[in-house]
Amino acid sequence: MEEVGGRKWLVYSKELDRVFCFCCKVFKRGKVNGLLTNEGFCNWKHIGERLREHERGTVHIKNMVTWNELLQRLQKNQTIDKTI
């Protein structure tokens, strides 16, 4: 079964042949467990199940909020470096 959706947070590395969660990789705090955040996920047989599990997690949701807030600030030119 093919899944098509708006997972803009999902990025693929051709070099590693693995997928990563962009927002969790960039905005993680401290040591975070999880293949999508660290070394990447490549178990293609179970990818759909793992992605659904990941996107429902509280850490991912917090990182998505942080990412979306940053995108909004960038669009409005309201980033911390504006005054500099």
PDB file of N, CA and C in Angstrom:
ATOM      1  N   MET A   1       0.845  -1.188   0.000  1.00  0.00           N
ATOM      2  CA  MET A   1       0.000   0.000   0.000  1.00  0.00           C
ATOM      3  C   MET A   1       0.885   1.243   0.000  1.00  0.00           C
ATOM      4  N   GLU A   2       0.671   2.105  -0.940  1.00  0.00           N
ATOM      5  CA  GLU A   2       1.446   3.330  -1.035  1.00  0.00           C
ATOM      6  C   GLU A   2       0.741   4.431  -0.271  1.00  0.00           C
ATOM      7  N   GLU A   3       1.521   5.172   0.484  1.00  0.00           N
ATOM      8  CA  GLU A   3       0.976   6.296   1.234  1.00  0.00           C
ATOM      9  C   GLU A   3       1.435   7.587   0.593  1.00  0.00           C
ATOM     10  N   VAL A   4       0.520   8.466   0.333  1.00  0.00           N
ATOM     11  CA  VAL A   4       0.863   9.777  -0.196  1.00  0.00           C
ATOM     12  C   VAL A   4       0.307  10.782   0.790  1.00  0.00           C
ATOM     13  N   GLY A   5       1.152  11.679   1.235  1.00  0.00           N
ATOM     14  CA  GLY A   5       0.673  12.651   2.205  1.00  0.00           C
ATOM     15  C   GLY A   5       1.600  13.834   2.306  1.00  0.00           C
ATOM     16  N   GLY A   6       1.238  14.716   3.194  1.00  0.00           N
ATOM     17  CA  GLY A   6       1.984  15.948   3.364  1.00  0.00           C
ATOM     18  C   GLY A   6       3.009  15.871   4.476  1.00  0.00           C
ATOM     19  N   ARG A   7       3.874  14.924   4.417  1.00  0.00           N
ATOM     20  CA  ARG A   7       4.925  14.813   5.440  1.00  0.00           C
ATOM     21  C   ARG A   7       6.128  15.641   5.001  1.00  0.00           C
ATOM     22  N   LYS A   8       5.983  16.944   5.120  1.00  0.00           N
ATOM     23  CA  LYS A   8       7.055  17.846   4.707  1.00  0.00           C
ATOM     24  C   LYS A   8       8.274  17.708   5.604  1.00  0.00           C
ATOM     25  N   TRP A   9       8.095  17.106   6.743  1.00  0.00           N
ATOM     26  CA  TRP A   9       9.193  16.916   7.697  1.00  0.00           C
ATOM     27  C   TRP A   9      10.086  15.749   7.324  1.00  0.00           C
ATOM     28  N   LEU A  10       9.650  14.910   6.413  1.00  0.00           N
ATOM     29  CA  LEU A  10      10.391  13.704   6.054  1.00  0.00           C
ATOM     30  C   LEU A  10      11.389  14.015   4.941  1.00  0.00           C
ATOM     31  N   VAL A  11      12.656  13.706   5.185  1.00  0.00           N
ATOM     32  CA  VAL A  11      13.695  13.931   4.179  1.00  0.00           C
ATOM     33  C   VAL A  11      14.431  12.620   3.909  1.00  0.00           C
ATOM     34  N   TYR A  12      14.861  12.465   2.668  1.00  0.00           N
ATOM     35  CA  TYR A  12      15.540  11.244   2.248  1.00  0.00           C
ATOM     36  C   TYR A  12      16.975  11.557   1.869  1.00  0.00           C
ATOM     37  N   SER A  13      17.898  10.736   2.357  1.00  0.00           N
ATOM     38  CA  SER A  13      19.300  10.851   1.985  1.00  0.00           C
ATOM     39  C   SER A  13      19.613   9.783   0.945  1.00  0.00           C
ATOM     40  N   LYS A  14      19.934  10.213  -0.280  1.00  0.00           N
ATOM     41  CA  LYS A  14      20.323   9.262  -1.325  1.00  0.00           C
ATOM     42  C   LYS A  14      21.612   8.554  -0.932  1.00  0.00           C
ATOM     43  N   GLU A  15      22.529   9.319  -0.380  1.00  0.00           N
ATOM     44  CA  GLU A  15      23.838   8.775  -0.011  1.00  0.00           C
ATOM     45  C   GLU A  15      23.722   7.647   1.011  1.00  0.00           C
ATOM     46  N   LEU A  16      22.836   7.823   2.003  1.00  0.00           N
ATOM     47  CA  LEU A  16      22.680   6.824   3.062  1.00  0.00           C
ATOM     48  C   LEU A  16      21.532   5.850   2.808  1.00  0.00           C
ATOM     49  N   ASP A  17      20.662   6.181   1.859  1.00  0.00           N
ATOM     50  CA  ASP A  17      19.453   5.402   1.575  1.00  0.00           C
ATOM     51  C   ASP A  17      18.610   5.254   2.849  1.00  0.00           C
ATOM     52  N   ARG A  18      18.415   6.375   3.516  1.00  0.00           N
ATOM     53  CA  ARG A  18      17.654   6.412   4.771  1.00  0.00           C
ATOM     54  C   ARG A  18      16.796   7.669   4.802  1.00  0.00           C
ATOM     55  N   VAL A  19      15.730   7.608   5.585  1.00  0.00           N
ATOM     56  CA  VAL A  19      14.890   8.785   5.788  1.00  0.00           C
ATOM     57  C   VAL A  19      15.113   9.327   7.197  1.00  0.00           C
ATOM     58  N   PHE A  20      14.905  10.635   7.321  1.00  0.00           N
ATOM     59  CA  PHE A  20      15.085  11.346   8.578  1.00  0.00           C
ATOM     60  C   PHE A  20      13.909  12.279   8.813  1.00  0.00           C
ATOM     61  N   CYS A  21      13.685  12.596  10.070  1.00  0.00           N
ATOM     62  CA  CYS A  21      12.719  13.636  10.421  1.00  0.00           C
ATOM     63  C   CYS A  21      13.492  14.940  10.519  1.00  0.00           C
ATOM     64  N   PHE A  22      13.251  15.840   9.568  1.00  0.00           N
ATOM     65  CA  PHE A  22      13.987  17.103   9.519  1.00  0.00           C
ATOM     66  C   PHE A  22      13.860  17.893  10.808  1.00  0.00           C
ATOM     67  N   CYS A  23      12.631  18.118  11.260  1.00  0.00           N
ATOM     68  CA  CYS A  23      12.451  18.992  12.425  1.00  0.00           C
ATOM     69  C   CYS A  23      13.023  18.363  13.699  1.00  0.00           C
ATOM     70  N   CYS A  24      12.940  17.055  13.845  1.00  0.00           N
ATOM     71  CA  CYS A  24      13.496  16.413  15.037  1.00  0.00           C
ATOM     72  C   CYS A  24      15.018  16.415  15.002  1.00  0.00           C
ATOM     73  N   LYS A  25      15.597  16.285  13.821  1.00  0.00           N
ATOM     74  CA  LYS A  25      17.051  16.312  13.693  1.00  0.00           C
ATOM     75  C   LYS A  25      17.584  17.707  14.000  1.00  0.00           C
ATOM     76  N   VAL A  26      16.901  18.730  13.516  1.00  0.00           N
ATOM     77  CA  VAL A  26      17.370  20.102  13.681  1.00  0.00           C
ATOM     78  C   VAL A  26      17.057  20.665  15.073  1.00  0.00           C
ATOM     79  N   PHE A  27      15.883  20.378  15.595  1.00  0.00           N
ATOM     80  CA  PHE A  27      15.441  21.018  16.837  1.00  0.00           C
ATOM     81  C   PHE A  27      15.507  20.118  18.070  1.00  0.00           C
ATOM     82  N   LYS A  28      16.131  18.950  17.964  1.00  0.00           N
ATOM     83  CA  LYS A  28      16.200  18.055  19.124  1.00  0.00           C
ATOM     84  C   LYS A  28      16.966  18.718  20.260  1.00  0.00           C
ATOM     85  N   ARG A  29      16.577  18.365  21.468  1.00  0.00           N
ATOM     86  CA  ARG A  29      17.238  18.886  22.659  1.00  0.00           C
ATOM     87  C   ARG A  29      17.768  17.719  23.466  1.00  0.00           C
ATOM     88  N   GLY A  30      19.062  17.735  23.708  1.00  0.00           N
ATOM     89  CA  GLY A  30      19.664  16.659  24.472  1.00  0.00           C
ATOM     90  C   GLY A  30      19.726  15.372  23.670  1.00  0.00           C
ATOM     91  N   LYS A  31      19.886  14.286  24.378  1.00  0.00           N
ATOM     92  CA  LYS A  31      19.952  12.976  23.733  1.00  0.00           C
ATOM     93  C   LYS A  31      18.544  12.477  23.464  1.00  0.00           C
ATOM     94  N   VAL A  32      18.278  12.221  22.207  1.00  0.00           N
ATOM     95  CA  VAL A  32      16.952  11.762  21.784  1.00  0.00           C
ATOM     96  C   VAL A  32      17.105  10.398  21.124  1.00  0.00           C
ATOM     97  N   ASN A  33      16.308   9.457  21.543  1.00  0.00           N
ATOM     98  CA  ASN A  33      16.309   8.137  20.909  1.00  0.00           C
ATOM     99  C   ASN A  33      15.440   8.175  19.669  1.00  0.00           C
ATOM    100  N   GLY A  34      15.757   7.335  18.742  1.00  0.00           N
ATOM    101  CA  GLY A  34      14.920   7.226  17.541  1.00  0.00           C
ATOM    102  C   GLY A  34      15.737   7.294  16.280  1.00  0.00           C
ATOM    103  N   LEU A  35      15.490   6.354  15.408  1.00  0.00           N
ATOM    104  CA  LEU A  35      16.233   6.288  14.155  1.00  0.00           C
ATOM    105  C   LEU A  35      15.956   7.478  13.253  1.00  0.00           C
ATOM    106  N   LEU A  36      14.715   7.949  13.230  1.00  0.00           N
ATOM    107  CA  LEU A  36      14.375   9.069  12.349  1.00  0.00           C
ATOM    108  C   LEU A  36      15.077  10.356  12.764  1.00  0.00           C
ATOM    109  N   THR A  37      15.458  10.460  14.024  1.00  0.00           N
ATOM    110  CA  THR A  37      16.135  11.648  14.520  1.00  0.00           C
ATOM    111  C   THR A  37      17.647  11.524  14.401  1.00  0.00           C
ATOM    112  N   ASN A  38      18.169  10.343  14.557  1.00  0.00           N
ATOM    113  CA  ASN A  38      19.617  10.165  14.617  1.00  0.00           C
ATOM    114  C   ASN A  38      20.221   9.594  13.342  1.00  0.00           C
ATOM    115  N   GLU A  39      20.330   8.286  13.244  1.00  0.00           N
ATOM    116  CA  GLU A  39      21.038   7.691  12.108  1.00  0.00           C
ATOM    117  C   GLU A  39      20.176   7.427  10.879  1.00  0.00           C
ATOM    118  N   GLY A  40      18.893   7.661  10.966  1.00  0.00           N
ATOM    119  CA  GLY A  40      18.019   7.467   9.819  1.00  0.00           C
ATOM    120  C   GLY A  40      17.348   6.106   9.845  1.00  0.00           C
ATOM    121  N   PHE A  41      16.237   6.001   9.146  1.00  0.00           N
ATOM    122  CA  PHE A  41      15.433   4.779   9.139  1.00  0.00           C
ATOM    123  C   PHE A  41      15.456   4.195   7.730  1.00  0.00           C
ATOM    124  N   CYS A  42      15.685   2.878   7.643  1.00  0.00           N
ATOM    125  CA  CYS A  42      15.757   2.263   6.309  1.00  0.00           C
ATOM    126  C   CYS A  42      15.056   0.912   6.238  1.00  0.00           C
ATOM    127  N   ASN A  43      14.222   0.601   7.205  1.00  0.00           N
ATOM    128  CA  ASN A  43      13.469  -0.648   7.163  1.00  0.00           C
ATOM    129  C   ASN A  43      12.211  -0.388   6.335  1.00  0.00           C
ATOM    130  N   TRP A  44      12.348  -0.510   5.031  1.00  0.00           N
ATOM    131  CA  TRP A  44      11.285  -0.097   4.113  1.00  0.00           C
ATOM    132  C   TRP A  44      10.022  -0.922   4.269  1.00  0.00           C
ATOM    133  N   LYS A  45      10.140  -2.139   4.753  1.00  0.00           N
ATOM    134  CA  LYS A  45       8.966  -2.992   4.949  1.00  0.00           C
ATOM    135  C   LYS A  45       8.032  -2.424   6.023  1.00  0.00           C
ATOM    136  N   HIS A  46       8.589  -1.744   7.011  1.00  0.00           N
ATOM    137  CA  HIS A  46       7.804  -1.232   8.135  1.00  0.00           C
ATOM    138  C   HIS A  46       7.789   0.297   8.196  1.00  0.00           C
ATOM    139  N   ILE A  47       8.111   0.942   7.092  1.00  0.00           N
ATOM    140  CA  ILE A  47       8.240   2.403   7.097  1.00  0.00           C
ATOM    141  C   ILE A  47       6.931   3.119   7.441  1.00  0.00           C
ATOM    142  N   GLY A  48       5.822   2.675   6.887  1.00  0.00           N
ATOM    143  CA  GLY A  48       4.539   3.341   7.147  1.00  0.00           C
ATOM    144  C   GLY A  48       4.173   3.321   8.611  1.00  0.00           C
ATOM    145  N   GLU A  49       4.321   2.167   9.221  1.00  0.00           N
ATOM    146  CA  GLU A  49       4.018   2.020  10.649  1.00  0.00           C
ATOM    147  C   GLU A  49       4.928   2.906  11.496  1.00  0.00           C
ATOM    148  N   ARG A  50       6.200   2.930  11.166  1.00  0.00           N
ATOM    149  CA  ARG A  50       7.160   3.720  11.944  1.00  0.00           C
ATOM    150  C   ARG A  50       6.914   5.217  11.786  1.00  0.00           C
ATOM    151  N   LEU A  51       6.575   5.658  10.583  1.00  0.00           N
ATOM    152  CA  LEU A  51       6.299   7.083  10.364  1.00  0.00           C
ATOM    153  C   LEU A  51       5.059   7.523  11.136  1.00  0.00           C
ATOM    154  N   ARG A  52       4.011   6.707  11.111  1.00  0.00           N
ATOM    155  CA  ARG A  52       2.789   7.041  11.862  1.00  0.00           C
ATOM    156  C   ARG A  52       3.090   7.119  13.361  1.00  0.00           C
ATOM    157  N   GLU A  53       3.873   6.179  13.845  1.00  0.00           N
ATOM    158  CA  GLU A  53       4.245   6.167  15.262  1.00  0.00           C
ATOM    159  C   GLU A  53       5.056   7.409  15.619  1.00  0.00           C
ATOM    160  N   HIS A  54       6.004   7.758  14.769  1.00  0.00           N
ATOM    161  CA  HIS A  54       6.865   8.912  15.034  1.00  0.00           C
ATOM    162  C   HIS A  54       6.075  10.223  15.052  1.00  0.00           C
ATOM    163  N   GLU A  55       5.225  10.417  14.059  1.00  0.00           N
ATOM    164  CA  GLU A  55       4.531  11.702  13.940  1.00  0.00           C
ATOM    165  C   GLU A  55       3.488  11.918  15.037  1.00  0.00           C
ATOM    166  N   ARG A  56       3.140  10.884  15.764  1.00  0.00           N
ATOM    167  CA  ARG A  56       2.206  11.009  16.890  1.00  0.00           C
ATOM    168  C   ARG A  56       2.920  11.245  18.214  1.00  0.00           C
ATOM    169  N   GLY A  57       4.235  11.163  18.216  1.00  0.00           N
ATOM    170  CA  GLY A  57       5.012  11.324  19.440  1.00  0.00           C
ATOM    171  C   GLY A  57       5.083  12.768  19.906  1.00  0.00           C
ATOM    172  N   THR A  58       5.155  12.961  21.216  1.00  0.00           N
ATOM    173  CA  THR A  58       5.172  14.318  21.776  1.00  0.00           C
ATOM    174  C   THR A  58       6.431  15.087  21.388  1.00  0.00           C
ATOM    175  N   VAL A  59       7.572  14.420  21.316  1.00  0.00           N
ATOM    176  CA  VAL A  59       8.810  15.111  20.936  1.00  0.00           C
ATOM    177  C   VAL A  59       8.694  15.631  19.505  1.00  0.00           C
ATOM    178  N   HIS A  60       8.186  14.810  18.606  1.00  0.00           N
ATOM    179  CA  HIS A  60       8.015  15.232  17.211  1.00  0.00           C
ATOM    180  C   HIS A  60       7.033  16.401  17.124  1.00  0.00           C
ATOM    181  N   ILE A  61       5.942  16.318  17.828  1.00  0.00           N
ATOM    182  CA  ILE A  61       4.937  17.384  17.784  1.00  0.00           C
ATOM    183  C   ILE A  61       5.535  18.695  18.289  1.00  0.00           C
ATOM    184  N   LYS A  62       6.300  18.655  19.373  1.00  0.00           N
ATOM    185  CA  LYS A  62       6.962  19.871  19.892  1.00  0.00           C
ATOM    186  C   LYS A  62       7.944  20.431  18.871  1.00  0.00           C
ATOM    187  N   ASN A  63       8.702  19.554  18.221  1.00  0.00           N
ATOM    188  CA  ASN A  63       9.661  20.015  17.222  1.00  0.00           C
ATOM    189  C   ASN A  63       8.967  20.580  15.989  1.00  0.00           C
ATOM    190  N   MET A  64       7.826  20.032  15.629  1.00  0.00           N
ATOM    191  CA  MET A  64       7.045  20.571  14.513  1.00  0.00           C
ATOM    192  C   MET A  64       6.544  21.979  14.840  1.00  0.00           C
ATOM    193  N   VAL A  65       6.076  22.172  16.063  1.00  0.00           N
ATOM    194  CA  VAL A  65       5.614  23.497  16.493  1.00  0.00           C
ATOM    195  C   VAL A  65       6.769  24.501  16.410  1.00  0.00           C
ATOM    196  N   THR A  66       7.934  24.110  16.904  1.00  0.00           N
ATOM    197  CA  THR A  66       9.106  24.986  16.858  1.00  0.00           C
ATOM    198  C   THR A  66       9.459  25.339  15.422  1.00  0.00           C
ATOM    199  N   TRP A  67       9.448  24.340  14.541  1.00  0.00           N
ATOM    200  CA  TRP A  67       9.771  24.550  13.136  1.00  0.00           C
ATOM    201  C   TRP A  67       8.762  25.492  12.482  1.00  0.00           C
ATOM    202  N   ASN A  68       7.471  25.268  12.733  1.00  0.00           N
ATOM    203  CA  ASN A  68       6.433  26.119  12.136  1.00  0.00           C
ATOM    204  C   ASN A  68       6.507  27.546  12.661  1.00  0.00           C
ATOM    205  N   GLU A  69       6.827  27.716  13.941  1.00  0.00           N
ATOM    206  CA  GLU A  69       6.986  29.065  14.492  1.00  0.00           C
ATOM    207  C   GLU A  69       8.163  29.774  13.838  1.00  0.00           C
ATOM    208  N   LEU A  70       9.259  29.052  13.613  1.00  0.00           N
ATOM    209  CA  LEU A  70      10.408  29.645  12.936  1.00  0.00           C
ATOM    210  C   LEU A  70      10.043  30.052  11.512  1.00  0.00           C
ATOM    211  N   LEU A  71       9.344  29.196  10.793  1.00  0.00           N
ATOM    212  CA  LEU A  71       8.933  29.528   9.425  1.00  0.00           C
ATOM    213  C   LEU A  71       8.078  30.787   9.385  1.00  0.00           C
ATOM    214  N   GLN A  72       7.171  30.912  10.351  1.00  0.00           N
ATOM    215  CA  GLN A  72       6.315  32.109  10.415  1.00  0.00           C
ATOM    216  C   GLN A  72       7.145  33.357  10.701  1.00  0.00           C
ATOM    217  N   ARG A  73       8.107  33.255  11.631  1.00  0.00           N
ATOM    218  CA  ARG A  73       8.958  34.407  11.946  1.00  0.00           C
ATOM    219  C   ARG A  73       9.826  34.790  10.744  1.00  0.00           C
ATOM    220  N   LEU A  74      10.325  33.805  10.025  1.00  0.00           N
ATOM    221  CA  LEU A  74      11.136  34.091   8.837  1.00  0.00           C
ATOM    222  C   LEU A  74      10.312  34.811   7.771  1.00  0.00           C
ATOM    223  N   GLN A  75       9.073  34.393   7.569  1.00  0.00           N
ATOM    224  CA  GLN A  75       8.211  35.018   6.575  1.00  0.00           C
ATOM    225  C   GLN A  75       7.878  36.465   6.932  1.00  0.00           C
ATOM    226  N   LYS A  76       7.817  36.749   8.233  1.00  0.00           N
ATOM    227  CA  LYS A  76       7.475  38.098   8.697  1.00  0.00           C
ATOM    228  C   LYS A  76       8.714  38.930   9.003  1.00  0.00           C
ATOM    229  N   ASN A  77       9.895  38.357   8.729  1.00  0.00           N
ATOM    230  CA  ASN A  77      11.149  39.035   9.052  1.00  0.00           C
ATOM    231  C   ASN A  77      11.205  39.415  10.526  1.00  0.00           C
ATOM    232  N   GLN A  78      10.789  38.512  11.387  1.00  0.00           N
ATOM    233  CA  GLN A  78      10.740  38.746  12.825  1.00  0.00           C
ATOM    234  C   GLN A  78      11.675  37.804  13.574  1.00  0.00           C
ATOM    235  N   THR A  79      12.850  37.547  13.013  1.00  0.00           N
ATOM    236  CA  THR A  79      13.802  36.669  13.670  1.00  0.00           C
ATOM    237  C   THR A  79      14.662  37.451  14.642  1.00  0.00           C
ATOM    238  N   ILE A  80      15.367  36.741  15.483  1.00  0.00           N
ATOM    239  CA  ILE A  80      16.178  37.362  16.541  1.00  0.00           C
ATOM    240  C   ILE A  80      17.258  38.275  15.975  1.00  0.00           C
ATOM    241  N   ASP A  81      17.734  38.015  14.788  1.00  0.00           N
ATOM    242  CA  ASP A  81      18.807  38.819  14.204  1.00  0.00           C
ATOM    243  C   ASP A  81      18.304  40.079  13.504  1.00  0.00           C
ATOM    244  N   LYS A  82      17.023  40.342  13.550  1.00  0.00           N
ATOM    245  CA  LYS A  82      16.452  41.507  12.864  1.00  0.00           C
ATOM    246  C   LYS A  82      17.069  42.808  13.381  1.00  0.00           C
ATOM    247  N   THR A  83      17.254  42.938  14.675  1.00  0.00           N
ATOM    248  CA  THR A  83      17.765  44.182  15.260  1.00  0.00           C
ATOM    249  C   THR A  83      19.266  44.369  15.003  1.00  0.00           C
ATOM    250  N   ILE A  84      19.943  43.284  14.701  1.00  0.00           N
ATOM    251  CA  ILE A  84      21.394  43.373  14.440  1.00  0.00           C
ATOM    252  C   ILE A  84      21.562  43.848  13.034  1.00  0.00           C
TER     253      ILE A  84
END
